[in-house]
């Protein structure tokens, strides 16, 4: 379990739209440092952990292209149904949910930090259809990509699936 002390909570609560990027990044780096200090890491020594490392590496290298379970299966030599079950068991997310979340996080970054068109953002994030990109983005962020781009950066949030 990871919790922040009252001081760090007050630091976060005092951040606003007027806070500089350095203040925001400083607070986030401090939180990462606290997290790193209290986290115990385990070496990836068994076959399932090694397989998960291969899966995450494959996704990271291919999320903006074809990173389907079928491609992953060809890349690892495991059946895609087995890969899907292992991924869900260890992450709590389906393979496609994870890939879409990664793609949409990248899209959020592009929308706030570039002048790429919506289609260019969608294509750069691995979507072949602007319609699918818009639908998935709205489902995860609760707003369209265009609405997200217009919002101030501090006012946006990390993706969380809307429950209907």
C-alpha atoms as a PDB file:
ATOM      1  CA  UNK A   1       0.000   0.000   0.000  1.00  0.00           C
ATOM      2  CA  UNK A   2       1.338   3.416  -0.921  1.00  0.00           C
ATOM      3  CA  UNK A   3       0.155   6.553   0.876  1.00  0.00           C
ATOM      4  CA  UNK A   4       1.456  10.081   0.995  1.00  0.00           C
ATOM      5  CA  UNK A   5       2.074  11.971   4.204  1.00  0.00           C
ATOM      6  CA  UNK A   6       0.052  15.100   5.012  1.00  0.00           C
ATOM      7  CA  UNK A   7       2.820  17.398   3.787  1.00  0.00           C
ATOM      8  CA  UNK A   8       2.859  15.870   0.288  1.00  0.00           C
ATOM      9  CA  UNK A   9      -0.943  15.916   0.150  1.00  0.00           C
ATOM     10  CA  UNK A  10      -0.881  19.642   0.994  1.00  0.00           C
ATOM     11  CA  UNK A  11       1.797  20.238  -1.673  1.00  0.00           C
ATOM     12  CA  UNK A  12      -0.438  18.565  -4.261  1.00  0.00           C
ATOM     13  CA  UNK A  13      -3.512  20.448  -3.053  1.00  0.00           C
ATOM     14  CA  UNK A  14      -1.661  23.757  -3.396  1.00  0.00           C
ATOM     15  CA  UNK A  15      -0.846  23.178  -7.065  1.00  0.00           C
ATOM     16  CA  UNK A  16      -3.003  25.218  -9.399  1.00  0.00           C
ATOM     17  CA  UNK A  17      -3.190  26.347 -12.985  1.00  0.00           C
ATOM     18  CA  UNK A  18      -0.768  29.140 -12.013  1.00  0.00           C
ATOM     19  CA  UNK A  19       1.860  26.681 -10.727  1.00  0.00           C
ATOM     20  CA  UNK A  20       4.954  26.485 -12.855  1.00  0.00           C
ATOM     21  CA  UNK A  21       5.902  23.303 -14.674  1.00  0.00           C
ATOM     22  CA  UNK A  22       8.883  23.063 -12.336  1.00  0.00           C
ATOM     23  CA  UNK A  23       6.653  23.078  -9.236  1.00  0.00           C
ATOM     24  CA  UNK A  24       4.421  20.405 -10.747  1.00  0.00           C
ATOM     25  CA  UNK A  25       7.308  18.245 -11.938  1.00  0.00           C
ATOM     26  CA  UNK A  26       9.092  18.704  -8.606  1.00  0.00           C
ATOM     27  CA  UNK A  27       6.054  17.439  -6.706  1.00  0.00           C
ATOM     28  CA  UNK A  28       5.672  14.483  -9.064  1.00  0.00           C
ATOM     29  CA  UNK A  29       9.372  13.597  -8.860  1.00  0.00           C
ATOM     30  CA  UNK A  30       9.172  13.731  -5.070  1.00  0.00           C
ATOM     31  CA  UNK A  31       6.202  11.366  -5.122  1.00  0.00           C
ATOM     32  CA  UNK A  32       8.087   9.026  -7.461  1.00  0.00           C
ATOM     33  CA  UNK A  33      11.063   9.119  -5.097  1.00  0.00           C
ATOM     34  CA  UNK A  34       8.874   8.259  -2.113  1.00  0.00           C
ATOM     35  CA  UNK A  35       7.238   5.463  -4.074  1.00  0.00           C
ATOM     36  CA  UNK A  36      10.620   4.076  -5.122  1.00  0.00           C
ATOM     37  CA  UNK A  37      11.923   4.188  -1.550  1.00  0.00           C
ATOM     38  CA  UNK A  38       8.990   2.234  -0.081  1.00  0.00           C
ATOM     39  CA  UNK A  39       8.586  -0.251  -2.922  1.00  0.00           C
ATOM     40  CA  UNK A  40      10.218  -3.628  -2.818  1.00  0.00           C
ATOM     41  CA  UNK A  41      11.219  -4.913  -6.207  1.00  0.00           C
ATOM     42  CA  UNK A  42      11.362  -8.553  -7.135  1.00  0.00           C
ATOM     43  CA  UNK A  43      13.580  -9.926  -9.859  1.00  0.00           C
ATOM     44  CA  UNK A  44      11.831 -11.332 -12.889  1.00  0.00           C
ATOM     45  CA  UNK A  45      13.037 -14.866 -12.413  1.00  0.00           C
ATOM     46  CA  UNK A  46      10.226 -17.197 -13.385  1.00  0.00           C
ATOM     47  CA  UNK A  47       8.952 -17.934 -16.875  1.00  0.00           C
ATOM     48  CA  UNK A  48       5.648 -16.072 -16.408  1.00  0.00           C
ATOM     49  CA  UNK A  49       7.417 -12.882 -15.306  1.00  0.00           C
ATOM     50  CA  UNK A  50       9.807 -13.172 -18.242  1.00  0.00           C
ATOM     51  CA  UNK A  51       6.828 -13.633 -20.536  1.00  0.00           C
ATOM     52  CA  UNK A  52       5.180 -10.536 -19.082  1.00  0.00           C
ATOM     53  CA  UNK A  53       8.361  -8.568 -19.699  1.00  0.00           C
ATOM     54  CA  UNK A  54       8.312  -9.750 -23.330  1.00  0.00           C
ATOM     55  CA  UNK A  55       4.633  -8.780 -23.643  1.00  0.00           C
ATOM     56  CA  UNK A  56       5.172  -5.285 -22.223  1.00  0.00           C
ATOM     57  CA  UNK A  57       8.268  -4.777 -24.384  1.00  0.00           C
ATOM     58  CA  UNK A  58       6.328  -5.863 -27.482  1.00  0.00           C
ATOM     59  CA  UNK A  59       3.478  -3.470 -26.674  1.00  0.00           C
ATOM     60  CA  UNK A  60       5.850  -0.566 -26.005  1.00  0.00           C
ATOM     61  CA  UNK A  61       7.651  -1.131 -29.301  1.00  0.00           C
ATOM     62  CA  UNK A  62       4.509  -1.730 -31.390  1.00  0.00           C
ATOM     63  CA  UNK A  63       1.569   0.158 -29.812  1.00  0.00           C
ATOM     64  CA  UNK A  64       1.504   2.648 -32.679  1.00  0.00           C
ATOM     65  CA  UNK A  65       1.183  -0.121 -35.248  1.00  0.00           C
ATOM     66  CA  UNK A  66      -0.076  -3.680 -35.295  1.00  0.00           C
ATOM     67  CA  UNK A  67       0.304  -4.964 -31.765  1.00  0.00           C
ATOM     68  CA  UNK A  68      -2.619  -7.347 -31.868  1.00  0.00           C
ATOM     69  CA  UNK A  69      -2.632 -10.534 -29.828  1.00  0.00           C
ATOM     70  CA  UNK A  70      -2.061 -12.413 -33.077  1.00  0.00           C
ATOM     71  CA  UNK A  71       1.139 -10.453 -33.753  1.00  0.00           C
ATOM     72  CA  UNK A  72       2.219 -10.908 -30.150  1.00  0.00           C
ATOM     73  CA  UNK A  73       1.599 -14.643 -30.532  1.00  0.00           C
ATOM     74  CA  UNK A  74       3.835 -14.767 -33.601  1.00  0.00           C
ATOM     75  CA  UNK A  75       6.485 -12.746 -31.792  1.00  0.00           C
ATOM     76  CA  UNK A  76       6.562 -14.877 -28.631  1.00  0.00           C
ATOM     77  CA  UNK A  77       5.604 -18.306 -29.955  1.00  0.00           C
ATOM     78  CA  UNK A  78       2.724 -18.673 -27.473  1.00  0.00           C
ATOM     79  CA  UNK A  79      -0.956 -19.130 -28.353  1.00  0.00           C
ATOM     80  CA  UNK A  80      -2.796 -15.810 -28.260  1.00  0.00           C
ATOM     81  CA  UNK A  81      -5.511 -17.194 -25.953  1.00  0.00           C
ATOM     82  CA  UNK A  82      -2.832 -18.181 -23.415  1.00  0.00           C
ATOM     83  CA  UNK A  83      -1.208 -14.745 -23.706  1.00  0.00           C
ATOM     84  CA  UNK A  84      -4.567 -13.066 -23.162  1.00  0.00           C
ATOM     85  CA  UNK A  85      -5.287 -15.131 -20.015  1.00  0.00           C
ATOM     86  CA  UNK A  86      -1.812 -14.563 -18.542  1.00  0.00           C
ATOM     87  CA  UNK A  87      -1.976 -10.831 -19.205  1.00  0.00           C
ATOM     88  CA  UNK A  88      -5.418 -10.493 -17.605  1.00  0.00           C
ATOM     89  CA  UNK A  89      -4.428 -12.606 -14.595  1.00  0.00           C
ATOM     90  CA  UNK A  90      -1.337 -10.561 -13.788  1.00  0.00           C
ATOM     91  CA  UNK A  91      -2.520  -7.048 -14.690  1.00  0.00           C
ATOM     92  CA  UNK A  92      -6.266  -7.139 -14.078  1.00  0.00           C
ATOM     93  CA  UNK A  93      -6.798  -5.610 -17.521  1.00  0.00           C
ATOM     94  CA  UNK A  94      -7.506  -7.219 -20.819  1.00  0.00           C
ATOM     95  CA  UNK A  95      -4.719  -6.970 -23.363  1.00  0.00           C
ATOM     96  CA  UNK A  96      -6.786  -4.638 -25.566  1.00  0.00           C
ATOM     97  CA  UNK A  97      -7.740  -2.393 -22.629  1.00  0.00           C
ATOM     98  CA  UNK A  98      -4.071  -1.957 -21.772  1.00  0.00           C
ATOM     99  CA  UNK A  99      -3.023  -1.246 -25.373  1.00  0.00           C
ATOM    100  CA  UNK A 100      -5.860   1.271 -25.811  1.00  0.00           C
ATOM    101  CA  UNK A 101      -4.977   3.015 -22.536  1.00  0.00           C
ATOM    102  CA  UNK A 102      -1.332   3.282 -23.596  1.00  0.00           C
ATOM    103  CA  UNK A 103      -2.359   4.628 -26.997  1.00  0.00           C
ATOM    104  CA  UNK A 104      -4.745   7.152 -25.471  1.00  0.00           C
ATOM    105  CA  UNK A 105      -2.162   8.347 -22.925  1.00  0.00           C
ATOM    106  CA  UNK A 106       0.149   9.035 -25.847  1.00  0.00           C
ATOM    107  CA  UNK A 107      -2.707  10.770 -27.670  1.00  0.00           C
ATOM    108  CA  UNK A 108      -3.323  13.026 -24.663  1.00  0.00           C
ATOM    109  CA  UNK A 109       0.342  13.997 -24.670  1.00  0.00           C
ATOM    110  CA  UNK A 110       0.260  14.737 -28.408  1.00  0.00           C
ATOM    111  CA  UNK A 111      -2.936  16.771 -28.134  1.00  0.00           C
ATOM    112  CA  UNK A 112      -1.421  19.044 -25.484  1.00  0.00           C
ATOM    113  CA  UNK A 113       2.127  19.240 -26.798  1.00  0.00           C
ATOM    114  CA  UNK A 114       1.867  19.284 -30.585  1.00  0.00           C
ATOM    115  CA  UNK A 115      -0.180  20.885 -33.313  1.00  0.00           C
ATOM    116  CA  UNK A 116      -0.867  17.575 -35.056  1.00  0.00           C
ATOM    117  CA  UNK A 117      -4.341  17.181 -36.488  1.00  0.00           C
ATOM    118  CA  UNK A 118      -6.742  14.719 -34.852  1.00  0.00           C
ATOM    119  CA  UNK A 119      -6.148  12.289 -37.715  1.00  0.00           C
ATOM    120  CA  UNK A 120      -2.365  12.569 -37.343  1.00  0.00           C
ATOM    121  CA  UNK A 121      -2.654  11.972 -33.576  1.00  0.00           C
ATOM    122  CA  UNK A 122      -4.889   8.959 -34.171  1.00  0.00           C
ATOM    123  CA  UNK A 123      -2.525   7.462 -36.737  1.00  0.00           C
ATOM    124  CA  UNK A 124       0.554   8.150 -34.592  1.00  0.00           C
ATOM    125  CA  UNK A 125      -1.125   6.278 -31.718  1.00  0.00           C
ATOM    126  CA  UNK A 126      -1.918   3.200 -33.797  1.00  0.00           C
ATOM    127  CA  UNK A 127      -5.530   3.879 -34.721  1.00  0.00           C
ATOM    128  CA  UNK A 128      -6.487   3.210 -38.330  1.00  0.00           C
ATOM    129  CA  UNK A 129      -9.829   4.944 -37.951  1.00  0.00           C
ATOM    130  CA  UNK A 130     -10.524   8.452 -36.671  1.00  0.00           C
ATOM    131  CA  UNK A 131     -13.986   7.297 -35.652  1.00  0.00           C
ATOM    132  CA  UNK A 132     -12.573   4.506 -33.446  1.00  0.00           C
ATOM    133  CA  UNK A 133     -10.018   6.920 -31.984  1.00  0.00           C
ATOM    134  CA  UNK A 134     -12.721   9.468 -31.112  1.00  0.00           C
ATOM    135  CA  UNK A 135     -15.010   6.807 -29.613  1.00  0.00           C
ATOM    136  CA  UNK A 136     -12.265   5.237 -27.474  1.00  0.00           C
ATOM    137  CA  UNK A 137     -10.924   8.621 -26.384  1.00  0.00           C
ATOM    138  CA  UNK A 138     -14.347   9.796 -25.238  1.00  0.00           C
ATOM    139  CA  UNK A 139     -15.004   6.511 -23.433  1.00  0.00           C
ATOM    140  CA  UNK A 140     -11.769   6.787 -21.459  1.00  0.00           C
ATOM    141  CA  UNK A 141     -11.402  10.549 -20.922  1.00  0.00           C
ATOM    142  CA  UNK A 142     -15.090  11.490 -20.838  1.00  0.00           C
ATOM    143  CA  UNK A 143     -14.621  14.099 -23.577  1.00  0.00           C
ATOM    144  CA  UNK A 144     -13.716  14.270 -27.241  1.00  0.00           C
ATOM    145  CA  UNK A 145     -10.087  14.742 -28.289  1.00  0.00           C
ATOM    146  CA  UNK A 146     -10.951  18.239 -29.489  1.00  0.00           C
ATOM    147  CA  UNK A 147     -12.472  19.161 -26.099  1.00  0.00           C
ATOM    148  CA  UNK A 148      -9.414  17.683 -24.365  1.00  0.00           C
ATOM    149  CA  UNK A 149      -7.030  19.744 -26.497  1.00  0.00           C
ATOM    150  CA  UNK A 150      -8.863  22.954 -25.572  1.00  0.00           C
ATOM    151  CA  UNK A 151      -8.757  22.334 -21.805  1.00  0.00           C
ATOM    152  CA  UNK A 152      -5.860  23.725 -19.759  1.00  0.00           C
ATOM    153  CA  UNK A 153      -3.296  21.018 -19.046  1.00  0.00           C
ATOM    154  CA  UNK A 154      -3.748  21.024 -15.255  1.00  0.00           C
ATOM    155  CA  UNK A 155      -7.488  20.635 -15.663  1.00  0.00           C
ATOM    156  CA  UNK A 156      -7.197  17.378 -17.603  1.00  0.00           C
ATOM    157  CA  UNK A 157      -7.109  14.032 -15.881  1.00  0.00           C
ATOM    158  CA  UNK A 158      -5.579  10.652 -16.368  1.00  0.00           C
ATOM    159  CA  UNK A 159      -7.842   8.267 -18.205  1.00  0.00           C
ATOM    160  CA  UNK A 160     -10.363   6.379 -16.163  1.00  0.00           C
ATOM    161  CA  UNK A 161     -13.047   4.304 -17.738  1.00  0.00           C
ATOM    162  CA  UNK A 162     -16.483   5.848 -17.455  1.00  0.00           C
ATOM    163  CA  UNK A 163     -19.054   3.543 -15.977  1.00  0.00           C
ATOM    164  CA  UNK A 164     -22.401   3.600 -17.659  1.00  0.00           C
END
